PDB file of N, CA and C in Angstrom:
ATOM      1  N   MET A   1      19.246 -19.124  -9.731  1.00  0.00           N
ATOM      2  CA  MET A   1      18.546 -18.102 -10.482  1.00  0.00           C
ATOM      3  C   MET A   1      17.298 -18.673 -11.149  1.00  0.00           C
ATOM      4  N   ALA A   2      17.388 -19.912 -11.621  1.00  0.00           N
ATOM      5  CA  ALA A   2      16.240 -20.543 -12.266  1.00  0.00           C
ATOM      6  C   ALA A   2      15.090 -20.710 -11.272  1.00  0.00           C
ATOM      7  N   TYR A   3      15.439 -21.075 -10.031  1.00  0.00           N
ATOM      8  CA  TYR A   3      14.410 -21.247  -8.998  1.00  0.00           C
ATOM      9  C   TYR A   3      13.729 -19.909  -8.715  1.00  0.00           C
ATOM     10  N   PHE A   4      14.514 -18.841  -8.598  1.00  0.00           N
ATOM     11  CA  PHE A   4      13.970 -17.509  -8.352  1.00  0.00           C
ATOM     12  C   PHE A   4      13.010 -17.097  -9.457  1.00  0.00           C
ATOM     13  N   LEU A   5      13.414 -17.310 -10.706  1.00  0.00           N
ATOM     14  CA  LEU A   5      12.556 -16.945 -11.832  1.00  0.00           C
ATOM     15  C   LEU A   5      11.279 -17.775 -11.859  1.00  0.00           C
ATOM     16  N   SER A   6      11.373 -19.036 -11.463  1.00  0.00           N
ATOM     17  CA  SER A   6      10.185 -19.889 -11.391  1.00  0.00           C
ATOM     18  C   SER A   6       9.209 -19.372 -10.340  1.00  0.00           C
ATOM     19  N   VAL A   7       9.741 -19.009  -9.175  1.00  0.00           N
ATOM     20  CA  VAL A   7       8.896 -18.487  -8.102  1.00  0.00           C
ATOM     21  C   VAL A   7       8.282 -17.154  -8.505  1.00  0.00           C
ATOM     22  N   LEU A   8       9.072 -16.292  -9.124  1.00  0.00           N
ATOM     23  CA  LEU A   8       8.560 -15.006  -9.586  1.00  0.00           C
ATOM     24  C   LEU A   8       7.461 -15.201 -10.633  1.00  0.00           C
ATOM     25  N   GLY A   9       7.672 -16.114 -11.552  1.00  0.00           N
ATOM     26  CA  GLY A   9       6.656 -16.411 -12.556  1.00  0.00           C
ATOM     27  C   GLY A   9       5.372 -16.934 -11.939  1.00  0.00           C
ATOM     28  N   LEU A  10       5.489 -17.818 -10.963  1.00  0.00           N
ATOM     29  CA  LEU A  10       4.307 -18.348 -10.287  1.00  0.00           C
ATOM     30  C   LEU A  10       3.562 -17.241  -9.548  1.00  0.00           C
ATOM     31  N   ALA A  11       4.306 -16.354  -8.890  1.00  0.00           N
ATOM     32  CA  ALA A  11       3.670 -15.239  -8.190  1.00  0.00           C
ATOM     33  C   ALA A  11       2.899 -14.346  -9.166  1.00  0.00           C
ATOM     34  N   LEU A  12       3.484 -14.079 -10.322  1.00  0.00           N
ATOM     35  CA  LEU A  12       2.801 -13.251 -11.316  1.00  0.00           C
ATOM     36  C   LEU A  12       1.557 -13.933 -11.869  1.00  0.00           C
ATOM     37  N   ILE A  13       1.621 -15.240 -12.052  1.00  0.00           N
ATOM     38  CA  ILE A  13       0.438 -15.978 -12.515  1.00  0.00           C
ATOM     39  C   ILE A  13      -0.677 -15.880 -11.483  1.00  0.00           C
ATOM     40  N   ILE A  14      -0.336 -16.129 -10.228  1.00  0.00           N
ATOM     41  CA  ILE A  14      -1.345 -16.085  -9.159  1.00  0.00           C
ATOM     42  C   ILE A  14      -1.919 -14.680  -9.023  1.00  0.00           C
ATOM     43  N   GLU A  15      -1.057 -13.658  -9.104  1.00  0.00           N
ATOM     44  CA  GLU A  15      -1.526 -12.272  -9.016  1.00  0.00           C
ATOM     45  C   GLU A  15      -2.407 -11.890 -10.204  1.00  0.00           C
ATOM     46  N   GLY A  16      -2.152 -12.465 -11.364  1.00  0.00           N
ATOM     47  CA  GLY A  16      -2.893 -12.094 -12.552  1.00  0.00           C
ATOM     48  C   GLY A  16      -4.245 -12.770 -12.715  1.00  0.00           C
ATOM     49  N   ILE A  17      -4.464 -13.881 -12.038  1.00  0.00           N
ATOM     50  CA  ILE A  17      -5.715 -14.631 -12.192  1.00  0.00           C
ATOM     51  C   ILE A  17      -6.955 -13.782 -11.904  1.00  0.00           C
ATOM     52  N   PRO A  18      -7.022 -13.053 -10.773  1.00  0.00           N
ATOM     53  CA  PRO A  18      -8.242 -12.256 -10.526  1.00  0.00           C
ATOM     54  C   PRO A  18      -8.493 -11.191 -11.583  1.00  0.00           C
ATOM     55  N   TYR A  19      -7.428 -10.571 -12.099  1.00  0.00           N
ATOM     56  CA  TYR A  19      -7.601  -9.539 -13.128  1.00  0.00           C
ATOM     57  C   TYR A  19      -8.121 -10.143 -14.434  1.00  0.00           C
ATOM     58  N   PHE A  20      -7.691 -11.346 -14.747  1.00  0.00           N
ATOM     59  CA  PHE A  20      -8.148 -12.018 -15.959  1.00  0.00           C
ATOM     60  C   PHE A  20      -9.581 -12.524 -15.800  1.00  0.00           C
ATOM     61  N   ALA A  21      -9.865 -13.144 -14.657  1.00  0.00           N
ATOM     62  CA  ALA A  21     -11.164 -13.790 -14.465  1.00  0.00           C
ATOM     63  C   ALA A  21     -12.273 -12.804 -14.099  1.00  0.00           C
ATOM     64  N   PHE A  22     -11.945 -11.758 -13.337  1.00  0.00           N
ATOM     65  CA  PHE A  22     -12.976 -10.843 -12.833  1.00  0.00           C
ATOM     66  C   PHE A  22     -12.539  -9.381 -12.965  1.00  0.00           C
ATOM     67  N   PRO A  23     -12.352  -8.884 -14.187  1.00  0.00           N
ATOM     68  CA  PRO A  23     -11.839  -7.511 -14.329  1.00  0.00           C
ATOM     69  C   PRO A  23     -12.764  -6.454 -13.727  1.00  0.00           C
ATOM     70  N   GLY A  24     -14.065  -6.615 -13.869  1.00  0.00           N
ATOM     71  CA  GLY A  24     -15.010  -5.642 -13.306  1.00  0.00           C
ATOM     72  C   GLY A  24     -14.958  -5.621 -11.785  1.00  0.00           C
ATOM     73  N   LYS A  25     -14.899  -6.793 -11.194  1.00  0.00           N
ATOM     74  CA  LYS A  25     -14.832  -6.895  -9.739  1.00  0.00           C
ATOM     75  C   LYS A  25     -13.520  -6.317  -9.215  1.00  0.00           C
ATOM     76  N   MET A  26     -12.429  -6.519  -9.944  1.00  0.00           N
ATOM     77  CA  MET A  26     -11.135  -5.983  -9.526  1.00  0.00           C
ATOM     78  C   MET A  26     -11.160  -4.453  -9.521  1.00  0.00           C
ATOM     79  N   LYS A  27     -11.822  -3.852 -10.501  1.00  0.00           N
ATOM     80  CA  LYS A  27     -11.942  -2.394 -10.517  1.00  0.00           C
ATOM     81  C   LYS A  27     -12.692  -1.904  -9.285  1.00  0.00           C
ATOM     82  N   SER A  28     -13.748  -2.620  -8.935  1.00  0.00           N
ATOM     83  CA  SER A  28     -14.521  -2.272  -7.744  1.00  0.00           C
ATOM     84  C   SER A  28     -13.672  -2.401  -6.483  1.00  0.00           C
ATOM     85  N   TRP A  29     -12.906  -3.483  -6.382  1.00  0.00           N
ATOM     86  CA  TRP A  29     -12.037  -3.684  -5.213  1.00  0.00           C
ATOM     87  C   TRP A  29     -10.987  -2.590  -5.126  1.00  0.00           C
ATOM     88  N   MET A  30     -10.442  -2.186  -6.266  1.00  0.00           N
ATOM     89  CA  MET A  30      -9.415  -1.140  -6.268  1.00  0.00           C
ATOM     90  C   MET A  30      -9.992   0.190  -5.788  1.00  0.00           C
ATOM     91  N   GLU A  31     -11.241   0.470  -6.151  1.00  0.00           N
ATOM     92  CA  GLU A  31     -11.884   1.688  -5.657  1.00  0.00           C
ATOM     93  C   GLU A  31     -12.049   1.629  -4.145  1.00  0.00           C
ATOM     94  N   GLN A  32     -12.404   0.456  -3.620  1.00  0.00           N
ATOM     95  CA  GLN A  32     -12.559   0.309  -2.174  1.00  0.00           C
ATOM     96  C   GLN A  32     -11.215   0.435  -1.466  1.00  0.00           C
ATOM     97  N   ILE A  33     -10.157  -0.083  -2.061  1.00  0.00           N
ATOM     98  CA  ILE A  33      -8.828  -0.006  -1.462  1.00  0.00           C
ATOM     99  C   ILE A  33      -8.371   1.452  -1.373  1.00  0.00           C
ATOM    100  N   GLN A  34      -8.691   2.261  -2.386  1.00  0.00           N
ATOM    101  CA  GLN A  34      -8.304   3.672  -2.359  1.00  0.00           C
ATOM    102  C   GLN A  34      -8.965   4.413  -1.205  1.00  0.00           C
ATOM    103  N   LYS A  35     -10.109   3.949  -0.765  1.00  0.00           N
ATOM    104  CA  LYS A  35     -10.830   4.599   0.337  1.00  0.00           C
ATOM    105  C   LYS A  35     -10.339   4.148   1.712  1.00  0.00           C
ATOM    106  N   MET A  36      -9.551   3.073   1.767  1.00  0.00           N
ATOM    107  CA  MET A  36      -9.058   2.564   3.047  1.00  0.00           C
ATOM    108  C   MET A  36      -7.980   3.485   3.615  1.00  0.00           C
ATOM    109  N   PRO A  37      -7.949   3.607   4.937  1.00  0.00           N
ATOM    110  CA  PRO A  37      -6.865   4.385   5.551  1.00  0.00           C
ATOM    111  C   PRO A  37      -5.506   3.704   5.352  1.00  0.00           C
ATOM    112  N   ASP A  38      -4.450   4.504   5.293  1.00  0.00           N
ATOM    113  CA  ASP A  38      -3.102   3.967   5.102  1.00  0.00           C
ATOM    114  C   ASP A  38      -2.733   2.961   6.183  1.00  0.00           C
ATOM    115  N   ARG A  39      -3.163   3.209   7.414  1.00  0.00           N
ATOM    116  CA  ARG A  39      -2.838   2.314   8.533  1.00  0.00           C
ATOM    117  C   ARG A  39      -3.355   0.898   8.279  1.00  0.00           C
ATOM    118  N   VAL A  40      -4.565   0.780   7.772  1.00  0.00           N
ATOM    119  CA  VAL A  40      -5.155  -0.532   7.498  1.00  0.00           C
ATOM    120  C   VAL A  40      -4.364  -1.243   6.404  1.00  0.00           C
ATOM    121  N   LEU A  41      -4.005  -0.508   5.354  1.00  0.00           N
ATOM    122  CA  LEU A  41      -3.232  -1.109   4.268  1.00  0.00           C
ATOM    123  C   LEU A  41      -1.861  -1.566   4.751  1.00  0.00           C
ATOM    124  N   ARG A  42      -1.251  -0.785   5.639  1.00  0.00           N
ATOM    125  CA  ARG A  42       0.049  -1.188   6.181  1.00  0.00           C
ATOM    126  C   ARG A  42      -0.071  -2.465   7.007  1.00  0.00           C
ATOM    127  N   ILE A  43      -1.138  -2.569   7.778  1.00  0.00           N
ATOM    128  CA  ILE A  43      -1.359  -3.781   8.589  1.00  0.00           C
ATOM    129  C   ILE A  43      -1.549  -4.986   7.679  1.00  0.00           C
ATOM    130  N   PHE A  44      -2.352  -4.844   6.622  1.00  0.00           N
ATOM    131  CA  PHE A  44      -2.548  -5.949   5.676  1.00  0.00           C
ATOM    132  C   PHE A  44      -1.233  -6.318   4.997  1.00  0.00           C
ATOM    133  N   GLY A  45      -0.448  -5.317   4.605  1.00  0.00           N
ATOM    134  CA  GLY A  45       0.839  -5.576   3.973  1.00  0.00           C
ATOM    135  C   GLY A  45       1.793  -6.292   4.909  1.00  0.00           C
ATOM    136  N   LEU A  46       1.850  -5.846   6.162  1.00  0.00           N
ATOM    137  CA  LEU A  46       2.713  -6.495   7.151  1.00  0.00           C
ATOM    138  C   LEU A  46       2.276  -7.929   7.387  1.00  0.00           C
ATOM    139  N   ALA A  47       0.969  -8.149   7.473  1.00  0.00           N
ATOM    140  CA  ALA A  47       0.460  -9.510   7.677  1.00  0.00           C
ATOM    141  C   ALA A  47       0.820 -10.406   6.491  1.00  0.00           C
ATOM    142  N   ALA A  48       0.680  -9.900   5.280  1.00  0.00           N
ATOM    143  CA  ALA A  48       1.012 -10.689   4.088  1.00  0.00           C
ATOM    144  C   ALA A  48       2.497 -11.020   4.054  1.00  0.00           C
ATOM    145  N   MET A  49       3.343 -10.045   4.381  1.00  0.00           N
ATOM    146  CA  MET A  49       4.790 -10.298   4.396  1.00  0.00           C
ATOM    147  C   MET A  49       5.162 -11.303   5.475  1.00  0.00           C
ATOM    148  N   THR A  50       4.528 -11.212   6.639  1.00  0.00           N
ATOM    149  CA  THR A  50       4.818 -12.137   7.734  1.00  0.00           C
ATOM    150  C   THR A  50       4.419 -13.557   7.368  1.00  0.00           C
ATOM    151  N   ILE A  51       3.241 -13.704   6.791  1.00  0.00           N
ATOM    152  CA  ILE A  51       2.786 -15.035   6.366  1.00  0.00           C
ATOM    153  C   ILE A  51       3.713 -15.583   5.287  1.00  0.00           C
ATOM    154  N   GLY A  52       4.106 -14.745   4.337  1.00  0.00           N
ATOM    155  CA  GLY A  52       5.030 -15.179   3.289  1.00  0.00           C
ATOM    156  C   GLY A  52       6.364 -15.617   3.856  1.00  0.00           C
ATOM    157  N   LEU A  53       6.881 -14.853   4.814  1.00  0.00           N
ATOM    158  CA  LEU A  53       8.147 -15.212   5.446  1.00  0.00           C
ATOM    159  C   LEU A  53       8.036 -16.533   6.200  1.00  0.00           C
ATOM    160  N   MET A  54       6.920 -16.728   6.883  1.00  0.00           N
ATOM    161  CA  MET A  54       6.706 -17.994   7.600  1.00  0.00           C
ATOM    162  C   MET A  54       6.627 -19.166   6.635  1.00  0.00           C
ATOM    163  N   LEU A  55       5.956 -18.985   5.495  1.00  0.00           N
ATOM    164  CA  LEU A  55       5.859 -20.051   4.505  1.00  0.00           C
ATOM    165  C   LEU A  55       7.228 -20.394   3.930  1.00  0.00           C
ATOM    166  N   ILE A  56       8.035 -19.379   3.680  1.00  0.00           N
ATOM    167  CA  ILE A  56       9.391 -19.630   3.177  1.00  0.00           C
ATOM    168  C   ILE A  56      10.206 -20.381   4.219  1.00  0.00           C
ATOM    169  N   TYR A  57      10.124 -19.953   5.476  1.00  0.00           N
ATOM    170  CA  TYR A  57      10.856 -20.630   6.549  1.00  0.00           C
ATOM    171  C   TYR A  57      10.443 -22.098   6.650  1.00  0.00           C
ATOM    172  N   ILE A  58       9.130 -22.324   6.618  1.00  0.00           N
ATOM    173  CA  ILE A  58       8.628 -23.707   6.717  1.00  0.00           C
ATOM    174  C   ILE A  58       9.115 -24.538   5.535  1.00  0.00           C
ATOM    175  N   SER A  59       9.062 -23.975   4.333  1.00  0.00           N
ATOM    176  CA  SER A  59       9.451 -24.735   3.161  1.00  0.00           C
ATOM    177  C   SER A  59      10.953 -25.047   3.144  1.00  0.00           C
ATOM    178  N   LEU A  60      11.764 -24.142   3.693  1.00  0.00           N
ATOM    179  CA  LEU A  60      13.208 -24.355   3.651  1.00  0.00           C
ATOM    180  C   LEU A  60      13.743 -25.129   4.846  1.00  0.00           C
ATOM    181  N   ASN A  61      13.064 -25.079   5.980  1.00  0.00           N
ATOM    182  CA  ASN A  61      13.603 -25.688   7.183  1.00  0.00           C
ATOM    183  C   ASN A  61      12.794 -26.867   7.726  1.00  0.00           C
ATOM    184  N   VAL A  62      11.514 -26.794   7.647  1.00  0.00           N
ATOM    185  CA  VAL A  62      10.678 -27.831   8.259  1.00  0.00           C
ATOM    186  C   VAL A  62      10.404 -28.974   7.277  1.00  0.00           C
ATOM    187  N   LEU A  63      10.120 -28.638   6.047  1.00  0.00           N
ATOM    188  CA  LEU A  63       9.700 -29.658   5.076  1.00  0.00           C
ATOM    189  C   LEU A  63      10.861 -30.385   4.417  1.00  0.00           C
ATOM    190  N   ARG A  64      12.077 -30.027   4.700  1.00  0.00           N
ATOM    191  CA  ARG A  64      13.229 -30.690   4.074  1.00  0.00           C
ATOM    192  C   ARG A  64      13.619 -31.906   4.817  1.00  0.00           C
TER     193      ARG A  64
END
């Protein structure tokens, strides 16, 4: 459980950096994201999940 909370905390830190460092730019990006078609967002989401899954697999199986 401690490992999970550490990973979750790190993810939140990484996700929060752009909002802290560039709030104006993030608002602009969010406006652009709202204009994107759902299909494009789904493809980006699938790609992000696939890369994340591959990184987890590598960290648990290859790097040990």
